[in-house]
Amino acid sequence: MKTMELEDHALTERERKNVSILEAIKRYGPISRTDISKLTKLNIVTVSNYVNNFIEQGLVIEKGLDISSGGRRPTIVVLNPKSSYVVGVDLGVFHVLTVLADLEGNIISHSRSDRPRDTADNVVSTLTREIEKTIQSSGVDPKKIRGIQIGASGVIDREVGTIRCTEGVASIYVPITSLLSDRFKMPVKLEHDVTTAAYGEWSLGAGTDVDIMLFMYSGVGCGMIINGEIYHGISGPPARSRSRISWTSATSGSATSRP
């Protein structure tokens, strides 16, 4: 498996197929290979090859037989939620909330701490300590943790990993994503809190049945999901590489990155 990069870029064709098939299994499983083919508009042979690869990796498991509409009963597949885990961090104005979750969004462990309001170094130290605490208390094999997602308020530079705060707290003009990635040896993604919340709601909450969603947050923020992709506006990446923040970016085998 290649090292996963989380920087914004256009997906290769193979990566896009990986992501599409895994997304279908996550959102609609248990599901047959035939239904995955219909949802993704990929031919059944391609779908079967990818699904078989996911089964070999332990990412997907077979779960019985579906009802037949004629002929052989199709085998249905589901996501294996315990095959991989992710860490989520809410870097709020007053607190730092950290969770470790499986691929179905079930929280395995969590921690909460006050956010330092003085220096960027203290914020980074607090983030490091809380992430360590959450991982250690989970009992999960660290090798199964695929990435860290940070949601934060303020003016964010996703590429550099810095945050200019406007709430009376110290701005973070150090590359927070690089520092944490070096410390924990895994990809780290930084995004606006409203955007992170919007994608979470679309992926696992009330927005799972819609293609386009507007998510109002804290009375002043708005996250936009258009056809399953995060819309950043004119300041964000180009249309072909709009961000998709999802567990599949960290667990899609050959699909080693997800813009």
Protein backbone atom coordinates (compact mmCIF):
# COMPACT_ATOMS: atom_id res chain seq x y z
CA MET A 1 0.00 0.00 0.00
CA LYS A 2 1.31 3.42 -0.90
CA THR A 3 1.65 6.12 1.72
CA MET A 4 -1.55 8.10 1.86
CA GLU A 5 -1.36 11.79 1.09
CA LEU A 6 -4.24 13.99 2.18
CA GLU A 7 -3.36 17.11 0.23
CA ASP A 8 -5.99 18.28 -2.26
CA HIS A 9 -5.50 16.74 -5.67
CA ALA A 10 -7.53 15.03 -8.35
CA LEU A 11 -8.07 11.29 -7.85
CA THR A 12 -6.73 8.73 -10.27
CA GLU A 13 -9.28 6.50 -11.96
CA ARG A 14 -8.36 3.57 -9.71
CA GLU A 15 -8.65 5.70 -6.58
CA ARG A 16 -12.03 7.01 -7.67
CA LYS A 17 -13.35 3.47 -8.17
CA ASN A 18 -12.03 2.43 -4.75
CA VAL A 19 -13.75 5.35 -3.08
CA SER A 20 -17.04 4.96 -4.98
CA ILE A 21 -17.37 1.27 -4.15
CA LEU A 22 -16.44 1.70 -0.49
CA GLU A 23 -18.81 4.65 -0.15
CA ALA A 24 -21.65 2.53 -1.56
CA ILE A 25 -20.92 -0.30 0.88
CA LYS A 26 -20.67 2.09 3.83
CA ARG A 27 -23.86 4.00 3.07
CA TYR A 28 -26.08 1.20 1.77
CA GLY A 29 -24.69 -2.06 3.14
CA PRO A 30 -25.49 -4.87 3.54
CA ILE A 31 -25.50 -4.75 -0.24
CA SER A 32 -24.88 -7.10 -3.15
CA ARG A 33 -22.20 -6.62 -5.78
CA THR A 34 -24.97 -6.19 -8.36
CA ASP A 35 -26.51 -3.30 -6.43
CA ILE A 36 -23.08 -1.73 -5.94
CA SER A 37 -22.65 -1.90 -9.71
CA LYS A 38 -25.97 -0.11 -10.23
CA LEU A 39 -25.17 2.60 -7.70
CA THR A 40 -21.63 3.31 -8.91
CA LYS A 41 -22.34 2.68 -12.62
CA LEU A 42 -19.29 0.41 -12.74
CA ASN A 43 -19.55 -2.97 -14.46
CA ILE A 44 -20.10 -6.01 -12.27
CA VAL A 45 -16.70 -7.56 -13.07
CA THR A 46 -14.89 -4.42 -11.92
CA VAL A 47 -16.98 -4.22 -8.76
CA SER A 48 -16.38 -7.89 -7.94
CA ASN A 49 -12.62 -7.51 -8.36
CA TYR A 50 -12.48 -4.50 -6.07
CA VAL A 51 -14.79 -6.05 -3.46
CA ASN A 52 -12.74 -9.26 -3.42
CA ASN A 53 -9.65 -7.16 -2.81
CA PHE A 54 -11.36 -5.38 0.07
CA ILE A 55 -12.35 -8.75 1.56
CA GLU A 56 -8.73 -9.93 1.38
CA GLN A 57 -7.68 -6.77 3.24
CA GLY A 58 -10.33 -7.38 5.91
CA LEU A 59 -11.99 -4.07 5.14
CA VAL A 60 -15.19 -5.72 3.88
CA ILE A 61 -16.82 -8.98 4.96
CA GLU A 62 -19.42 -11.21 3.32
CA LYS A 63 -22.66 -11.57 5.24
CA GLY A 64 -25.04 -14.21 3.94
CA LEU A 65 -27.18 -14.26 0.83
CA ASP A 66 -29.62 -11.71 -0.52
CA ILE A 67 -33.11 -12.46 -1.86
CA SER A 68 -32.94 -13.68 -5.44
CA SER A 69 -35.00 -12.12 -8.21
CA GLY A 70 -34.33 -15.20 -10.29
CA GLY A 71 -31.37 -17.55 -10.46
CA ARG A 72 -28.54 -17.79 -7.97
CA ARG A 73 -28.94 -15.81 -4.73
CA PRO A 74 -26.36 -13.01 -4.57
CA THR A 75 -23.90 -12.71 -1.68
CA ILE A 76 -24.17 -9.48 0.27
CA VAL A 77 -21.25 -7.59 1.75
CA VAL A 78 -20.84 -5.11 4.61
CA LEU A 79 -18.13 -2.87 5.90
CA ASN A 80 -15.96 -4.31 8.66
CA PRO A 81 -16.06 -1.39 11.12
CA LYS A 82 -13.23 -2.77 13.25
CA SER A 83 -10.74 -3.06 10.41
CA SER A 84 -9.58 0.55 10.77
CA TYR A 85 -10.04 3.54 13.06
CA VAL A 86 -9.73 7.31 12.85
CA VAL A 87 -9.12 10.12 15.32
CA GLY A 88 -11.26 13.25 15.26
CA VAL A 89 -10.37 16.51 17.03
CA ASP A 90 -12.66 19.45 17.73
CA LEU A 91 -10.32 22.38 18.30
CA GLY A 92 -12.86 24.75 19.78
CA VAL A 93 -12.51 28.25 21.15
CA PHE A 94 -12.68 27.04 24.76
CA HIS A 95 -11.97 23.31 24.58
CA VAL A 96 -10.20 20.48 22.79
CA LEU A 97 -12.39 17.41 22.31
CA THR A 98 -10.79 14.28 20.89
CA VAL A 99 -12.45 11.01 19.88
CA LEU A 100 -11.31 7.73 18.38
CA ALA A 101 -13.97 6.03 16.26
CA ASP A 102 -14.40 2.96 14.10
CA LEU A 103 -15.54 3.04 10.47
CA GLU A 104 -19.21 3.24 11.44
CA GLY A 105 -18.60 6.30 13.58
CA ASN A 106 -18.89 4.44 16.89
CA ILE A 107 -16.82 6.25 19.52
CA ILE A 108 -14.34 3.92 21.20
CA SER A 109 -12.64 6.47 23.47
CA HIS A 110 -12.55 10.21 23.99
CA SER A 111 -10.96 12.99 26.00
CA ARG A 112 -11.68 16.63 26.72
CA SER A 113 -9.46 19.47 27.86
CA ASP A 114 -9.51 23.25 28.12
CA ARG A 115 -7.91 24.98 25.15
CA PRO A 116 -4.85 27.09 26.00
CA ARG A 117 -5.47 30.70 25.01
CA ASP A 118 -1.93 32.01 25.17
CA THR A 119 0.54 30.45 22.70
CA ALA A 120 0.50 28.17 19.67
CA ASP A 121 3.08 25.90 21.32
CA ASN A 122 0.73 25.24 24.23
CA VAL A 123 -2.12 24.47 21.84
CA VAL A 124 0.03 21.96 19.94
CA SER A 125 1.20 20.39 23.21
CA THR A 126 -2.41 20.05 24.37
CA LEU A 127 -3.48 18.49 21.08
CA THR A 128 -0.59 16.02 21.24
CA ARG A 129 -1.38 15.06 24.84
CA GLU A 130 -5.11 14.62 24.22
CA ILE A 131 -4.61 12.55 21.08
CA GLU A 132 -2.12 10.33 22.91
CA LYS A 133 -4.53 9.93 25.80
CA THR A 134 -7.41 9.00 23.50
CA ILE A 135 -5.37 6.43 21.59
CA GLN A 136 -3.96 4.83 24.73
CA SER A 137 -7.32 4.56 26.50
CA SER A 138 -8.97 2.98 23.44
CA GLY A 139 -6.93 -0.22 23.53
CA VAL A 140 -6.86 -0.13 19.72
CA ASP A 141 -3.75 -1.27 17.86
CA PRO A 142 -2.14 2.02 16.72
CA LYS A 143 -1.34 0.38 13.37
CA LYS A 144 -5.08 0.28 12.65
CA ILE A 145 -5.48 4.05 13.13
CA ARG A 146 -5.42 5.54 9.64
CA GLY A 147 -5.51 9.27 10.19
CA ILE A 148 -6.39 12.32 12.26
CA GLN A 149 -9.01 14.92 11.30
CA ILE A 150 -8.99 18.33 13.00
CA GLY A 151 -11.95 20.69 12.80
CA ALA A 152 -11.20 24.24 13.91
CA SER A 153 -12.65 27.73 13.75
CA GLY A 154 -10.81 30.73 12.34
CA VAL A 155 -9.09 31.44 9.03
CA ILE A 156 -7.54 28.16 7.99
CA ASP A 157 -4.75 27.47 5.53
CA ARG A 158 -5.34 23.81 4.72
CA GLU A 159 -2.18 23.47 2.66
CA VAL A 160 0.23 24.87 5.25
CA GLY A 161 -1.74 23.77 8.32
CA THR A 162 -2.09 27.10 10.11
CA ILE A 163 -5.02 28.84 11.82
CA ARG A 164 -5.59 32.58 12.25
CA CYS A 165 -7.96 32.90 15.17
CA THR A 166 -10.43 35.73 15.66
CA GLU A 167 -11.91 34.76 19.02
CA GLY A 168 -9.39 36.26 21.42
CA VAL A 169 -7.17 33.19 21.43
CA ALA A 170 -3.66 32.75 20.09
CA SER A 171 -3.38 32.09 16.37
CA ILE A 172 -1.43 29.01 15.29
CA TYR A 173 1.18 30.07 12.75
CA VAL A 174 3.08 26.80 12.93
CA PRO A 175 2.34 23.86 10.58
CA ILE A 176 0.10 21.99 12.99
CA THR A 177 -0.68 19.20 10.52
CA SER A 178 2.99 18.49 9.78
CA LEU A 179 3.94 18.56 13.45
CA LEU A 180 1.21 16.10 14.43
CA SER A 181 1.82 13.91 11.39
CA ASP A 182 5.50 13.61 12.31
CA ARG A 183 4.61 12.82 15.91
CA PHE A 184 1.98 10.16 15.25
CA LYS A 185 3.30 8.84 11.91
CA MET A 186 -0.05 9.14 10.17
CA PRO A 187 -1.83 11.62 7.88
CA VAL A 188 -3.38 14.66 9.57
CA LYS A 189 -6.07 16.79 7.92
CA LEU A 190 -7.11 20.30 8.99
CA GLU A 191 -10.49 21.72 8.01
CA HIS A 192 -13.01 24.33 9.16
CA ASP A 193 -15.22 23.08 11.96
CA VAL A 194 -18.35 23.84 9.96
CA THR A 195 -17.06 21.92 6.94
CA THR A 196 -16.03 18.97 9.07
CA ALA A 197 -19.42 18.93 10.80
CA ALA A 198 -21.24 19.17 7.47
CA TYR A 199 -19.42 16.21 6.00
CA GLY A 200 -19.94 14.18 9.15
CA GLU A 201 -23.68 14.84 9.03
CA TRP A 202 -23.81 13.97 5.33
CA SER A 203 -21.76 10.81 5.81
CA LEU A 204 -23.18 9.42 9.05
CA GLY A 205 -26.09 11.58 10.20
CA ALA A 206 -29.26 13.18 8.88
CA GLY A 207 -27.81 13.84 5.43
CA THR A 208 -27.12 10.25 4.39
CA ASP A 209 -30.03 10.18 1.93
CA VAL A 210 -29.30 13.43 0.10
CA ASP A 211 -26.81 14.44 -2.58
CA ILE A 212 -26.80 18.18 -1.89
CA MET A 213 -26.82 19.57 1.63
CA LEU A 214 -26.45 22.98 3.31
CA PHE A 215 -25.42 22.72 6.95
CA MET A 216 -25.84 25.73 9.24
CA TYR A 217 -23.42 25.75 12.16
CA SER A 218 -23.19 27.99 15.23
CA GLY A 219 -25.53 30.50 13.61
CA VAL A 220 -22.79 32.00 11.44
CA GLY A 221 -21.16 29.16 9.50
CA CYS A 222 -22.43 27.13 6.58
CA GLY A 223 -21.02 23.92 5.12
CA MET A 224 -21.97 22.83 1.61
CA ILE A 225 -21.95 19.28 0.28
CA ILE A 226 -22.61 19.00 -3.47
CA ASN A 227 -22.89 15.52 -4.96
CA GLY A 228 -20.90 14.08 -2.09
CA GLU A 229 -18.10 16.63 -2.34
CA ILE A 230 -17.25 19.50 -0.03
CA TYR A 231 -17.64 22.89 -1.67
CA HIS A 232 -15.02 25.36 -0.50
CA GLY A 233 -15.96 28.32 -2.67
CA ILE A 234 -13.61 30.51 -4.66
CA SER A 235 -10.81 30.30 -2.08
CA GLY A 236 -10.82 26.51 -2.09
CA PRO A 237 -9.34 23.94 -4.48
CA PRO A 238 -10.60 23.78 -8.08
CA ALA A 239 -13.77 21.90 -8.94
CA ARG A 240 -11.96 18.73 -9.97
CA SER A 241 -10.22 18.46 -6.63
CA ARG A 242 -12.79 19.56 -4.09
CA SER A 243 -12.18 17.99 -0.74
CA ARG A 244 -13.82 14.81 0.48
CA ILE A 245 -13.15 14.19 4.14
CA SER A 246 -14.12 10.67 4.93
CA TRP A 247 -12.90 7.52 6.58
CA THR A 248 -12.50 5.99 3.10
CA SER A 249 -9.58 8.30 2.41
CA ALA A 250 -7.69 6.38 5.05
CA THR A 251 -8.86 2.86 4.31
CA SER A 252 -9.32 2.46 0.58
CA GLY A 253 -6.32 0.27 -0.13
CA SER A 254 -4.96 1.34 -3.46
CA ALA A 255 -6.93 4.56 -3.17
CA THR A 256 -4.24 6.21 -1.13
CA SER A 257 -5.62 9.72 -1.12
CA ARG A 258 -8.89 11.50 -1.33
CA PRO A 259 -9.19 15.17 -2.20
